Amino acid sequence: MPAAVILAGGRSTRFGEADKAVAPLAGVPMIRRVADRLVDEISELVVNCRSDQTDAIREAMAGYPHPVTYAEDEEPDEGPMAGIKTGLRAVKAEYAVVVACDMPFVDADLVSYLFERAAGHAAAVPKLDDGWYQTTHAVYRAQTMADACDTSLLAGNHKILDPLFELDYVIVDDEAIRGHGSTESFANCNTREEFEAAAARF
């Protein structure tokens, strides 16, 4: 089975002083909410984080039914592309879904469909009608995407779309997303207000 990479290394600047990855969302750390929704689609989990986060996240992930690897950023605060690269490098499976730690409504059916669409390609990336590529809610051929990220970073390009354009990737459009899941899968909790609204839903 494939893997998942959860990105948790951001500084949560819009969230306040607390680390949103482990903030209790209706009693459960948010990163665990994300991981639990992926259980049936994966056989291994990688968490990309800063070294100062690892202990708290490890505690949040205690008892998770799949092996969990902690891929710490060698240089923190390098942006999501660096986090994706670091996380994917630690993956053993050929393919991995990458999900941000602040997406507690990630849809397992949609993730399954993304894995189907990615097969034989380097990536399957959702693109909603607003034109936004959901690169932190996408499936990648792990080492291929990590290599492409390395190339972009070495060239000084930090925009996450840059490595994609060098790969054979599939766009999953709004209609396909709605046909196999929900756009709620992309809802994230960047602010305290969004976090409290999500908590109320749980």
N, C-alpha and C. Protein backbone atom coordinates (compact mmCIF):
# COMPACT_ATOMS: atom_id res chain seq x y z
N MET A 1 0.84 -1.21 0.00
CA MET A 1 0.00 0.00 0.00
C MET A 1 0.87 1.25 0.00
N PRO A 2 0.30 2.36 -0.43
CA PRO A 2 1.07 3.61 -0.48
C PRO A 2 1.23 4.24 0.90
N ALA A 3 1.83 5.41 0.91
CA ALA A 3 2.17 6.11 2.15
C ALA A 3 1.46 7.46 2.20
N ALA A 4 1.60 8.09 3.35
CA ALA A 4 1.15 9.48 3.51
C ALA A 4 2.26 10.29 4.14
N VAL A 5 2.36 11.54 3.72
CA VAL A 5 3.25 12.51 4.33
C VAL A 5 2.39 13.64 4.86
N ILE A 6 2.49 13.92 6.14
CA ILE A 6 1.78 15.05 6.72
C ILE A 6 2.80 16.16 6.97
N LEU A 7 2.52 17.33 6.44
CA LEU A 7 3.40 18.48 6.58
C LEU A 7 3.03 19.26 7.84
N ALA A 8 3.97 19.35 8.78
CA ALA A 8 3.67 20.02 10.04
C ALA A 8 4.73 21.03 10.45
N GLY A 9 5.65 21.35 9.54
CA GLY A 9 6.80 22.17 9.91
C GLY A 9 6.61 23.66 9.86
N GLY A 10 5.43 24.12 9.47
CA GLY A 10 5.19 25.56 9.40
C GLY A 10 5.15 26.20 10.78
N ARG A 11 5.26 27.50 10.81
CA ARG A 11 5.32 28.23 12.09
C ARG A 11 3.96 28.64 12.63
N SER A 12 2.88 28.39 11.89
CA SER A 12 1.52 28.68 12.37
C SER A 12 1.37 30.15 12.78
N THR A 13 1.95 31.04 12.00
CA THR A 13 1.99 32.46 12.40
C THR A 13 0.59 33.07 12.53
N ARG A 14 -0.35 32.61 11.73
CA ARG A 14 -1.71 33.17 11.81
C ARG A 14 -2.54 32.51 12.90
N PHE A 15 -1.98 31.48 13.52
CA PHE A 15 -2.73 30.72 14.52
C PHE A 15 -2.47 31.23 15.93
N GLY A 16 -1.38 31.95 16.11
CA GLY A 16 -1.01 32.40 17.45
C GLY A 16 0.28 31.72 17.88
N GLU A 17 0.55 31.72 19.18
CA GLU A 17 1.81 31.19 19.69
C GLU A 17 1.83 29.67 19.73
N ALA A 18 0.69 29.02 19.83
CA ALA A 18 0.65 27.56 19.93
C ALA A 18 0.95 26.91 18.59
N ASP A 19 1.43 25.67 18.63
CA ASP A 19 1.67 24.89 17.42
C ASP A 19 0.35 24.25 17.01
N LYS A 20 -0.20 24.67 15.88
CA LYS A 20 -1.53 24.18 15.50
C LYS A 20 -1.52 22.68 15.21
N ALA A 21 -0.37 22.12 14.86
CA ALA A 21 -0.31 20.70 14.53
C ALA A 21 -0.82 19.84 15.68
N VAL A 22 -0.48 20.23 16.90
CA VAL A 22 -0.88 19.43 18.06
C VAL A 22 -1.96 20.10 18.89
N ALA A 23 -2.50 21.20 18.41
CA ALA A 23 -3.59 21.86 19.13
C ALA A 23 -4.79 20.92 19.22
N PRO A 24 -5.44 20.82 20.38
CA PRO A 24 -6.56 19.88 20.53
C PRO A 24 -7.80 20.35 19.79
N LEU A 25 -8.15 19.61 18.75
CA LEU A 25 -9.33 19.92 17.94
C LEU A 25 -10.46 19.03 18.43
N ALA A 26 -11.37 19.61 19.22
CA ALA A 26 -12.44 18.85 19.87
C ALA A 26 -11.86 17.65 20.61
N GLY A 27 -10.74 17.91 21.33
CA GLY A 27 -10.16 16.90 22.20
C GLY A 27 -9.10 16.01 21.60
N VAL A 28 -8.85 16.13 20.29
CA VAL A 28 -7.86 15.29 19.61
C VAL A 28 -6.88 16.20 18.87
N PRO A 29 -5.56 15.98 19.03
CA PRO A 29 -4.61 16.83 18.31
C PRO A 29 -4.93 16.88 16.82
N MET A 30 -4.85 18.07 16.23
CA MET A 30 -5.29 18.20 14.84
C MET A 30 -4.54 17.27 13.90
N ILE A 31 -3.22 17.10 14.11
CA ILE A 31 -2.47 16.22 13.22
C ILE A 31 -2.97 14.78 13.31
N ARG A 32 -3.43 14.38 14.49
CA ARG A 32 -3.97 13.03 14.65
C ARG A 32 -5.31 12.91 13.92
N ARG A 33 -6.10 13.97 13.93
CA ARG A 33 -7.36 13.98 13.17
C ARG A 33 -7.07 13.68 11.70
N VAL A 34 -6.04 14.36 11.16
CA VAL A 34 -5.67 14.16 9.75
C VAL A 34 -5.21 12.72 9.53
N ALA A 35 -4.29 12.27 10.37
CA ALA A 35 -3.73 10.93 10.21
C ALA A 35 -4.79 9.84 10.32
N ASP A 36 -5.73 10.01 11.25
CA ASP A 36 -6.76 8.99 11.44
C ASP A 36 -7.66 8.85 10.22
N ARG A 37 -7.86 9.93 9.49
CA ARG A 37 -8.72 9.86 8.30
C ARG A 37 -8.03 9.15 7.13
N LEU A 38 -6.72 8.96 7.25
CA LEU A 38 -5.96 8.32 6.18
C LEU A 38 -5.67 6.85 6.44
N VAL A 39 -6.03 6.35 7.60
CA VAL A 39 -5.63 5.01 8.04
C VAL A 39 -5.88 3.93 7.01
N ASP A 40 -7.07 3.92 6.41
CA ASP A 40 -7.44 2.82 5.51
C ASP A 40 -6.81 2.92 4.13
N GLU A 41 -6.16 4.03 3.82
CA GLU A 41 -5.61 4.24 2.48
C GLU A 41 -4.10 4.02 2.42
N ILE A 42 -3.45 3.86 3.56
CA ILE A 42 -1.98 3.83 3.60
C ILE A 42 -1.47 2.68 4.47
N SER A 43 -0.17 2.43 4.36
CA SER A 43 0.46 1.44 5.23
C SER A 43 1.65 2.04 5.99
N GLU A 44 1.99 3.27 5.70
CA GLU A 44 3.06 3.96 6.43
C GLU A 44 2.78 5.45 6.43
N LEU A 45 3.26 6.11 7.48
CA LEU A 45 3.05 7.55 7.63
C LEU A 45 4.38 8.23 7.92
N VAL A 46 4.62 9.33 7.23
CA VAL A 46 5.79 10.17 7.49
C VAL A 46 5.28 11.54 7.92
N VAL A 47 5.83 12.05 9.00
CA VAL A 47 5.51 13.41 9.45
C VAL A 47 6.72 14.28 9.23
N ASN A 48 6.56 15.32 8.43
CA ASN A 48 7.62 16.31 8.24
C ASN A 48 7.42 17.42 9.26
N CYS A 49 8.45 17.69 10.06
CA CYS A 49 8.33 18.69 11.11
C CYS A 49 9.70 19.25 11.46
N ARG A 50 9.72 20.25 12.32
CA ARG A 50 10.96 20.76 12.88
C ARG A 50 11.37 19.88 14.06
N SER A 51 12.63 19.88 14.39
CA SER A 51 13.11 19.02 15.48
C SER A 51 12.46 19.38 16.81
N ASP A 52 12.14 20.67 17.00
CA ASP A 52 11.54 21.08 18.27
C ASP A 52 10.07 20.66 18.39
N GLN A 53 9.49 20.15 17.30
CA GLN A 53 8.11 19.68 17.34
C GLN A 53 7.99 18.18 17.57
N THR A 54 9.05 17.45 17.33
CA THR A 54 8.96 16.00 17.22
C THR A 54 8.37 15.34 18.46
N ASP A 55 8.82 15.73 19.65
CA ASP A 55 8.34 15.07 20.86
C ASP A 55 6.84 15.22 21.03
N ALA A 56 6.32 16.42 20.83
CA ALA A 56 4.89 16.66 21.00
C ALA A 56 4.08 15.91 19.94
N ILE A 57 4.59 15.88 18.71
CA ILE A 57 3.86 15.16 17.66
C ILE A 57 3.93 13.66 17.90
N ARG A 58 5.08 13.17 18.34
CA ARG A 58 5.20 11.74 18.65
C ARG A 58 4.16 11.33 19.70
N GLU A 59 3.98 12.20 20.70
CA GLU A 59 2.98 11.93 21.73
C GLU A 59 1.57 11.91 21.13
N ALA A 60 1.31 12.86 20.23
CA ALA A 60 0.00 12.93 19.58
C ALA A 60 -0.28 11.70 18.73
N MET A 61 0.78 11.10 18.19
CA MET A 61 0.62 9.95 17.29
C MET A 61 0.71 8.61 18.01
N ALA A 62 0.84 8.61 19.33
CA ALA A 62 0.97 7.37 20.09
C ALA A 62 -0.18 6.42 19.78
N GLY A 63 0.16 5.15 19.50
CA GLY A 63 -0.87 4.16 19.22
C GLY A 63 -1.38 4.14 17.79
N TYR A 64 -0.79 4.94 16.92
CA TYR A 64 -1.24 4.94 15.52
C TYR A 64 -0.99 3.55 14.92
N PRO A 65 -1.92 3.03 14.13
CA PRO A 65 -1.82 1.65 13.68
C PRO A 65 -0.77 1.36 12.60
N HIS A 66 -0.18 2.38 12.01
CA HIS A 66 0.87 2.18 11.01
C HIS A 66 2.20 2.73 11.51
N PRO A 67 3.31 2.25 10.95
CA PRO A 67 4.61 2.82 11.32
C PRO A 67 4.65 4.32 11.01
N VAL A 68 5.22 5.09 11.93
CA VAL A 68 5.33 6.53 11.76
C VAL A 68 6.81 6.92 11.77
N THR A 69 7.23 7.64 10.74
CA THR A 69 8.60 8.15 10.63
C THR A 69 8.56 9.66 10.76
N TYR A 70 9.53 10.23 11.48
CA TYR A 70 9.59 11.68 11.65
C TYR A 70 10.75 12.22 10.81
N ALA A 71 10.41 12.92 9.75
CA ALA A 71 11.40 13.49 8.82
C ALA A 71 11.58 14.95 9.18
N GLU A 72 12.61 15.21 9.96
CA GLU A 72 12.83 16.56 10.46
C GLU A 72 13.54 17.43 9.41
N ASP A 73 13.14 18.69 9.36
CA ASP A 73 13.76 19.65 8.45
C ASP A 73 15.21 19.90 8.87
N GLU A 74 16.13 19.73 7.93
CA GLU A 74 17.52 20.06 8.22
C GLU A 74 17.67 21.56 8.40
N GLU A 75 16.96 22.32 7.58
CA GLU A 75 16.95 23.78 7.70
C GLU A 75 15.49 24.22 7.80
N PRO A 76 15.03 24.55 9.00
CA PRO A 76 13.63 24.94 9.17
C PRO A 76 13.27 26.19 8.38
N ASP A 77 11.97 26.36 8.15
CA ASP A 77 11.41 27.57 7.57
C ASP A 77 11.82 27.80 6.11
N GLU A 78 12.04 26.71 5.38
CA GLU A 78 12.40 26.82 3.96
C GLU A 78 11.18 26.74 3.06
N GLY A 79 10.00 26.62 3.64
CA GLY A 79 8.78 26.61 2.85
C GLY A 79 8.25 25.22 2.56
N PRO A 80 7.04 25.16 1.98
CA PRO A 80 6.38 23.87 1.78
C PRO A 80 7.11 22.94 0.81
N MET A 81 7.78 23.49 -0.22
CA MET A 81 8.48 22.60 -1.14
C MET A 81 9.57 21.81 -0.42
N ALA A 82 10.31 22.48 0.44
CA ALA A 82 11.36 21.81 1.20
C ALA A 82 10.75 20.75 2.12
N GLY A 83 9.60 21.07 2.71
CA GLY A 83 8.93 20.10 3.56
C GLY A 83 8.46 18.88 2.79
N ILE A 84 7.90 19.12 1.61
CA ILE A 84 7.46 18.02 0.76
C ILE A 84 8.66 17.15 0.38
N LYS A 85 9.74 17.78 -0.01
CA LYS A 85 10.95 17.02 -0.39
C LYS A 85 11.44 16.16 0.76
N THR A 86 11.57 16.77 1.94
CA THR A 86 12.08 16.04 3.10
C THR A 86 11.16 14.89 3.48
N GLY A 87 9.86 15.14 3.45
CA GLY A 87 8.91 14.08 3.78
C GLY A 87 8.94 12.94 2.78
N LEU A 88 8.96 13.27 1.50
CA LEU A 88 8.95 12.23 0.47
C LEU A 88 10.23 11.41 0.47
N ARG A 89 11.35 12.02 0.83
CA ARG A 89 12.61 11.27 0.89
C ARG A 89 12.54 10.13 1.91
N ALA A 90 11.71 10.29 2.93
CA ALA A 90 11.61 9.28 3.99
C ALA A 90 10.60 8.19 3.69
N VAL A 91 9.91 8.30 2.56
CA VAL A 91 8.87 7.33 2.19
C VAL A 91 9.50 6.08 1.58
N LYS A 92 9.00 4.92 1.98
CA LYS A 92 9.47 3.66 1.41
C LYS A 92 8.62 3.24 0.20
N ALA A 93 7.34 3.57 0.22
CA ALA A 93 6.43 3.20 -0.87
C ALA A 93 6.72 4.01 -2.13
N GLU A 94 6.20 3.54 -3.27
CA GLU A 94 6.42 4.28 -4.52
C GLU A 94 5.64 5.60 -4.52
N TYR A 95 4.41 5.56 -4.03
CA TYR A 95 3.55 6.74 -4.05
C TYR A 95 3.17 7.16 -2.64
N ALA A 96 2.97 8.45 -2.48
CA ALA A 96 2.53 8.99 -1.19
C ALA A 96 1.58 10.16 -1.41
N VAL A 97 0.57 10.23 -0.58
CA VAL A 97 -0.27 11.42 -0.55
C VAL A 97 0.36 12.39 0.43
N VAL A 98 0.45 13.64 0.02
CA VAL A 98 0.96 14.71 0.87
C VAL A 98 -0.23 15.55 1.32
N VAL A 99 -0.34 15.73 2.63
CA VAL A 99 -1.46 16.48 3.20
C VAL A 99 -0.92 17.42 4.27
N ALA A 100 -1.44 18.63 4.31
CA ALA A 100 -1.06 19.57 5.36
C ALA A 100 -1.70 19.15 6.68
N CYS A 101 -1.02 19.47 7.78
CA CYS A 101 -1.51 19.06 9.09
C CYS A 101 -2.76 19.81 9.52
N ASP A 102 -3.13 20.86 8.78
CA ASP A 102 -4.30 21.66 9.17
C ASP A 102 -5.51 21.38 8.28
N MET A 103 -5.56 20.16 7.70
CA MET A 103 -6.70 19.76 6.87
C MET A 103 -7.43 18.60 7.55
N PRO A 104 -8.17 18.88 8.62
CA PRO A 104 -8.78 17.80 9.42
C PRO A 104 -9.96 17.10 8.78
N PHE A 105 -10.43 17.61 7.63
CA PHE A 105 -11.56 16.98 6.96
C PHE A 105 -11.14 16.24 5.68
N VAL A 106 -9.85 15.90 5.59
CA VAL A 106 -9.36 15.21 4.40
C VAL A 106 -10.23 13.98 4.13
N ASP A 107 -10.64 13.84 2.88
CA ASP A 107 -11.61 12.83 2.46
C ASP A 107 -10.89 11.58 1.97
N ALA A 108 -11.06 10.47 2.68
CA ALA A 108 -10.36 9.22 2.34
C ALA A 108 -10.74 8.74 0.95
N ASP A 109 -12.01 8.90 0.55
CA ASP A 109 -12.43 8.47 -0.78
C ASP A 109 -11.73 9.28 -1.87
N LEU A 110 -11.57 10.56 -1.62
CA LEU A 110 -10.88 11.41 -2.59
C LEU A 110 -9.40 11.03 -2.66
N VAL A 111 -8.80 10.75 -1.52
CA VAL A 111 -7.40 10.32 -1.50
C VAL A 111 -7.23 9.02 -2.29
N SER A 112 -8.15 8.10 -2.11
CA SER A 112 -8.10 6.85 -2.86
C SER A 112 -8.15 7.11 -4.36
N TYR A 113 -9.01 8.04 -4.76
CA TYR A 113 -9.13 8.38 -6.18
C TYR A 113 -7.85 9.04 -6.69
N LEU A 114 -7.23 9.88 -5.88
CA LEU A 114 -5.97 10.51 -6.29
C LEU A 114 -4.88 9.46 -6.51
N PHE A 115 -4.85 8.45 -5.65
CA PHE A 115 -3.88 7.36 -5.86
C PHE A 115 -4.15 6.65 -7.19
N GLU A 116 -5.41 6.42 -7.50
CA GLU A 116 -5.77 5.78 -8.77
C GLU A 116 -5.30 6.62 -9.95
N ARG A 117 -5.54 7.92 -9.89
CA ARG A 117 -5.19 8.81 -11.00
C ARG A 117 -3.68 8.95 -11.15
N ALA A 118 -2.95 8.86 -10.04
CA ALA A 118 -1.50 9.04 -10.09
C ALA A 118 -0.78 7.84 -10.69
N ALA A 119 -1.40 6.69 -10.66
CA ALA A 119 -0.74 5.46 -11.11
C ALA A 119 -0.18 5.63 -12.52
N GLY A 120 1.10 5.35 -12.69
CA GLY A 120 1.76 5.50 -13.98
C GLY A 120 2.23 6.90 -14.29
N HIS A 121 1.98 7.83 -13.38
CA HIS A 121 2.39 9.23 -13.56
C HIS A 121 3.24 9.65 -12.36
N ALA A 122 3.78 10.85 -12.43
CA ALA A 122 4.59 11.35 -11.32
C ALA A 122 3.76 12.02 -10.24
N ALA A 123 2.53 12.41 -10.58
CA ALA A 123 1.69 13.10 -9.60
C ALA A 123 0.25 13.19 -10.08
N ALA A 124 -0.65 13.32 -9.11
CA ALA A 124 -2.05 13.67 -9.38
C ALA A 124 -2.38 14.83 -8.44
N VAL A 125 -2.67 15.98 -9.05
CA VAL A 125 -2.83 17.21 -8.26
C VAL A 125 -4.22 17.79 -8.48
N PRO A 126 -4.99 17.97 -7.42
CA PRO A 126 -6.31 18.61 -7.57
C PRO A 126 -6.17 20.07 -7.98
N LYS A 127 -7.09 20.50 -8.83
CA LYS A 127 -7.16 21.91 -9.22
C LYS A 127 -8.62 22.31 -9.24
N LEU A 128 -8.99 23.18 -8.31
CA LEU A 128 -10.38 23.60 -8.20
C LEU A 128 -10.73 24.65 -9.25
N ASP A 129 -12.01 24.96 -9.35
CA ASP A 129 -12.45 25.93 -10.35
C ASP A 129 -11.89 27.32 -10.11
N ASP A 130 -11.41 27.58 -8.89
CA ASP A 130 -10.79 28.89 -8.63
C ASP A 130 -9.39 28.98 -9.21
N GLY A 131 -8.92 27.87 -9.84
CA GLY A 131 -7.61 27.87 -10.49
C GLY A 131 -6.46 27.51 -9.57
N TRP A 132 -6.77 27.24 -8.31
CA TRP A 132 -5.73 26.97 -7.33
C TRP A 132 -5.33 25.51 -7.34
N TYR A 133 -4.04 25.25 -7.51
CA TYR A 133 -3.52 23.88 -7.42
C TYR A 133 -3.38 23.50 -5.94
N GLN A 134 -3.91 22.35 -5.57
CA GLN A 134 -3.85 21.90 -4.18
C GLN A 134 -2.63 20.99 -4.00
N THR A 135 -1.46 21.62 -4.00
CA THR A 135 -0.22 20.86 -3.97
C THR A 135 0.06 20.22 -2.61
N THR A 136 -0.59 20.73 -1.56
CA THR A 136 -0.44 20.10 -0.24
C THR A 136 -1.64 19.22 0.09
N HIS A 137 -2.25 18.72 -0.98
CA HIS A 137 -3.32 17.71 -0.87
C HIS A 137 -3.29 16.94 -2.19
N ALA A 138 -2.16 16.29 -2.44
CA ALA A 138 -1.92 15.66 -3.74
C ALA A 138 -1.13 14.38 -3.55
N VAL A 139 -1.13 13.55 -4.60
CA VAL A 139 -0.37 12.30 -4.58
C VAL A 139 0.83 12.44 -5.50
N TYR A 140 1.99 11.99 -5.02
CA TYR A 140 3.23 12.08 -5.78
C TYR A 140 3.94 10.73 -5.82
N ARG A 141 4.65 10.47 -6.94
CA ARG A 141 5.63 9.38 -6.93
C ARG A 141 6.79 9.91 -6.09
N ALA A 142 7.00 9.31 -4.95
CA ALA A 142 7.78 9.93 -3.88
C ALA A 142 9.17 10.40 -4.30
N GLN A 143 10.01 9.50 -4.78
CA GLN A 143 11.38 9.89 -5.06
C GLN A 143 11.49 10.78 -6.30
N THR A 144 10.60 10.60 -7.26
CA THR A 144 10.60 11.44 -8.46
C THR A 144 10.30 12.89 -8.09
N MET A 145 9.29 13.09 -7.25
CA MET A 145 8.95 14.45 -6.84
C MET A 145 10.04 15.02 -5.94
N ALA A 146 10.62 14.20 -5.06
CA ALA A 146 11.70 14.69 -4.20
C ALA A 146 12.88 15.18 -5.04
N ASP A 147 13.21 14.41 -6.09
CA ASP A 147 14.30 14.82 -6.98
C ASP A 147 13.98 16.16 -7.66
N ALA A 148 12.73 16.30 -8.12
CA ALA A 148 12.33 17.53 -8.80
C ALA A 148 12.37 18.71 -7.84
N CYS A 149 11.98 18.49 -6.60
CA CYS A 149 12.05 19.56 -5.60
C CYS A 149 13.50 19.96 -5.34
N ASP A 150 14.38 18.96 -5.25
CA ASP A 150 15.81 19.25 -5.06
C ASP A 150 16.34 20.14 -6.17
N THR A 151 15.99 19.79 -7.41
CA THR A 151 16.45 20.56 -8.56
C THR A 151 15.96 22.00 -8.49
N SER A 152 14.68 22.17 -8.15
CA SER A 152 14.11 23.52 -8.07
C SER A 152 14.75 24.32 -6.95
N LEU A 153 14.94 23.69 -5.80
CA LEU A 153 15.52 24.41 -4.66
C LEU A 153 16.96 24.82 -4.94
N LEU A 154 17.70 23.93 -5.58
CA LEU A 154 19.09 24.27 -5.93
C LEU A 154 19.16 25.43 -6.91
N ALA A 155 18.11 25.55 -7.74
CA ALA A 155 18.06 26.66 -8.69
C ALA A 155 17.50 27.94 -8.07
N GLY A 156 17.14 27.86 -6.79
CA GLY A 156 16.61 29.03 -6.10
C GLY A 156 15.13 29.24 -6.30
N ASN A 157 14.43 28.22 -6.84
CA ASN A 157 12.99 28.33 -7.05
C ASN A 157 12.25 27.68 -5.89
N HIS A 158 11.43 28.47 -5.21
CA HIS A 158 10.72 27.95 -4.04
C HIS A 158 9.22 27.81 -4.28
N LYS A 159 8.75 28.16 -5.47
CA LYS A 159 7.33 28.01 -5.77
C LYS A 159 7.03 26.54 -6.01
N ILE A 160 6.05 26.02 -5.30
CA ILE A 160 5.80 24.59 -5.30
C ILE A 160 5.37 24.06 -6.67
N LEU A 161 4.88 24.92 -7.53
CA LEU A 161 4.49 24.46 -8.87
C LEU A 161 5.69 24.22 -9.77
N ASP A 162 6.83 24.83 -9.47
CA ASP A 162 8.00 24.71 -10.35
C ASP A 162 8.41 23.27 -10.61
N PRO A 163 8.57 22.42 -9.58
CA PRO A 163 8.97 21.04 -9.88
C PRO A 163 7.91 20.26 -10.63
N LEU A 164 6.65 20.59 -10.38
CA LEU A 164 5.57 19.87 -11.07
C LEU A 164 5.67 20.02 -12.58
N PHE A 165 6.00 21.22 -13.02
CA PHE A 165 6.02 21.49 -14.44
C PHE A 165 7.10 20.71 -15.18
N GLU A 166 8.02 20.10 -14.43
CA GLU A 166 9.06 19.27 -15.03
C GLU A 166 8.65 17.79 -15.06
N LEU A 167 7.47 17.49 -14.53
CA LEU A 167 7.05 16.10 -14.37
C LEU A 167 5.82 15.78 -15.22
N ASP A 168 5.57 14.48 -15.35
CA ASP A 168 4.36 13.99 -15.99
C ASP A 168 3.28 13.90 -14.91
N TYR A 169 2.49 14.97 -14.80
CA TYR A 169 1.48 14.98 -13.74
C TYR A 169 0.07 15.06 -14.32
N VAL A 170 -0.89 14.62 -13.54
CA VAL A 170 -2.30 14.62 -13.93
C VAL A 170 -3.03 15.66 -13.09
N ILE A 171 -3.85 16.47 -13.73
CA ILE A 171 -4.70 17.41 -13.00
C ILE A 171 -6.04 16.74 -12.73
N VAL A 172 -6.47 16.80 -11.49
CA VAL A 172 -7.79 16.30 -11.10
C VAL A 172 -8.68 17.52 -10.91
N ASP A 173 -9.63 17.69 -11.83
CA ASP A 173 -10.41 18.93 -11.83
C ASP A 173 -11.57 18.89 -10.83
N ASP A 174 -12.22 20.04 -10.73
CA ASP A 174 -13.29 20.24 -9.76
C ASP A 174 -14.40 19.20 -9.92
N GLU A 175 -14.78 18.93 -11.16
CA GLU A 175 -15.85 17.97 -11.40
C GLU A 175 -15.48 16.57 -10.90
N ALA A 176 -14.24 16.16 -11.18
CA ALA A 176 -13.79 14.84 -10.72
C ALA A 176 -13.70 14.79 -9.20
N ILE A 177 -13.26 15.89 -8.60
CA ILE A 177 -13.18 15.95 -7.14
C ILE A 177 -14.55 15.75 -6.52
N ARG A 178 -15.53 16.47 -7.03
CA ARG A 178 -16.88 16.37 -6.48
C ARG A 178 -17.51 15.01 -6.77
N GLY A 179 -17.07 14.37 -7.84
CA GLY A 179 -17.60 13.06 -8.16
C GLY A 179 -17.05 11.94 -7.31
N HIS A 180 -15.92 12.20 -6.66
CA HIS A 180 -15.26 11.14 -5.87
C HIS A 180 -15.03 11.53 -4.42
N GLY A 181 -15.54 12.67 -4.02
CA GLY A 181 -15.34 13.12 -2.65
C GLY A 181 -15.98 14.48 -2.47
N SER A 182 -15.38 15.26 -1.61
CA SER A 182 -15.92 16.57 -1.30
C SER A 182 -14.82 17.61 -1.30
N THR A 183 -15.15 18.82 -1.74
CA THR A 183 -14.17 19.91 -1.69
C THR A 183 -13.89 20.32 -0.25
N GLU A 184 -14.71 19.85 0.70
CA GLU A 184 -14.42 20.09 2.11
C GLU A 184 -13.08 19.48 2.51
N SER A 185 -12.62 18.52 1.72
CA SER A 185 -11.35 17.87 1.99
C SER A 185 -10.20 18.88 2.04
N PHE A 186 -10.36 20.00 1.33
CA PHE A 186 -9.30 21.01 1.24
C PHE A 186 -9.40 22.09 2.30
N ALA A 187 -10.46 22.04 3.11
CA ALA A 187 -10.64 23.07 4.14
C ALA A 187 -9.50 22.99 5.16
N ASN A 188 -8.92 24.14 5.45
CA ASN A 188 -7.82 24.13 6.43
C ASN A 188 -8.10 25.11 7.56
N CYS A 189 -7.28 24.98 8.59
CA CYS A 189 -7.45 25.78 9.80
C CYS A 189 -6.20 26.63 10.01
N ASN A 190 -6.15 27.77 9.35
CA ASN A 190 -4.99 28.66 9.46
C ASN A 190 -5.10 29.60 10.65
N THR A 191 -6.34 29.91 11.04
CA THR A 191 -6.55 30.88 12.11
C THR A 191 -7.31 30.22 13.26
N ARG A 192 -7.32 30.89 14.39
CA ARG A 192 -8.08 30.40 15.53
C ARG A 192 -9.58 30.30 15.21
N GLU A 193 -10.06 31.27 14.43
CA GLU A 193 -11.47 31.28 14.08
C GLU A 193 -11.83 30.04 13.25
N GLU A 194 -10.99 29.73 12.27
CA GLU A 194 -11.23 28.54 11.45
C GLU A 194 -11.11 27.27 12.28
N PHE A 195 -10.19 27.28 13.23
CA PHE A 195 -9.99 26.13 14.11
C PHE A 195 -11.23 25.91 14.97
N GLU A 196 -11.77 26.97 15.54
CA GLU A 196 -12.95 26.84 16.41
C GLU A 196 -14.17 26.41 15.59
N ALA A 197 -14.27 26.90 14.36
CA ALA A 197 -15.38 26.47 13.50
C ALA A 197 -15.27 24.99 13.18
N ALA A 198 -14.05 24.51 12.94
CA ALA A 198 -13.83 23.08 12.67
C ALA A 198 -14.16 22.26 13.91
N ALA A 199 -13.74 22.74 15.07
CA ALA A 199 -14.01 22.02 16.33
C ALA A 199 -15.50 21.85 16.54
N ALA A 200 -16.28 22.88 16.21
CA ALA A 200 -17.73 22.81 16.37
C ALA A 200 -18.33 21.73 15.50
N ARG A 201 -17.75 21.48 14.35
CA ARG A 201 -18.24 20.45 13.43
C ARG A 201 -17.99 19.04 13.97
N PHE A 202 -16.92 18.90 14.76
CA PHE A 202 -16.64 17.60 15.36
C PHE A 202 -17.51 17.38 16.61
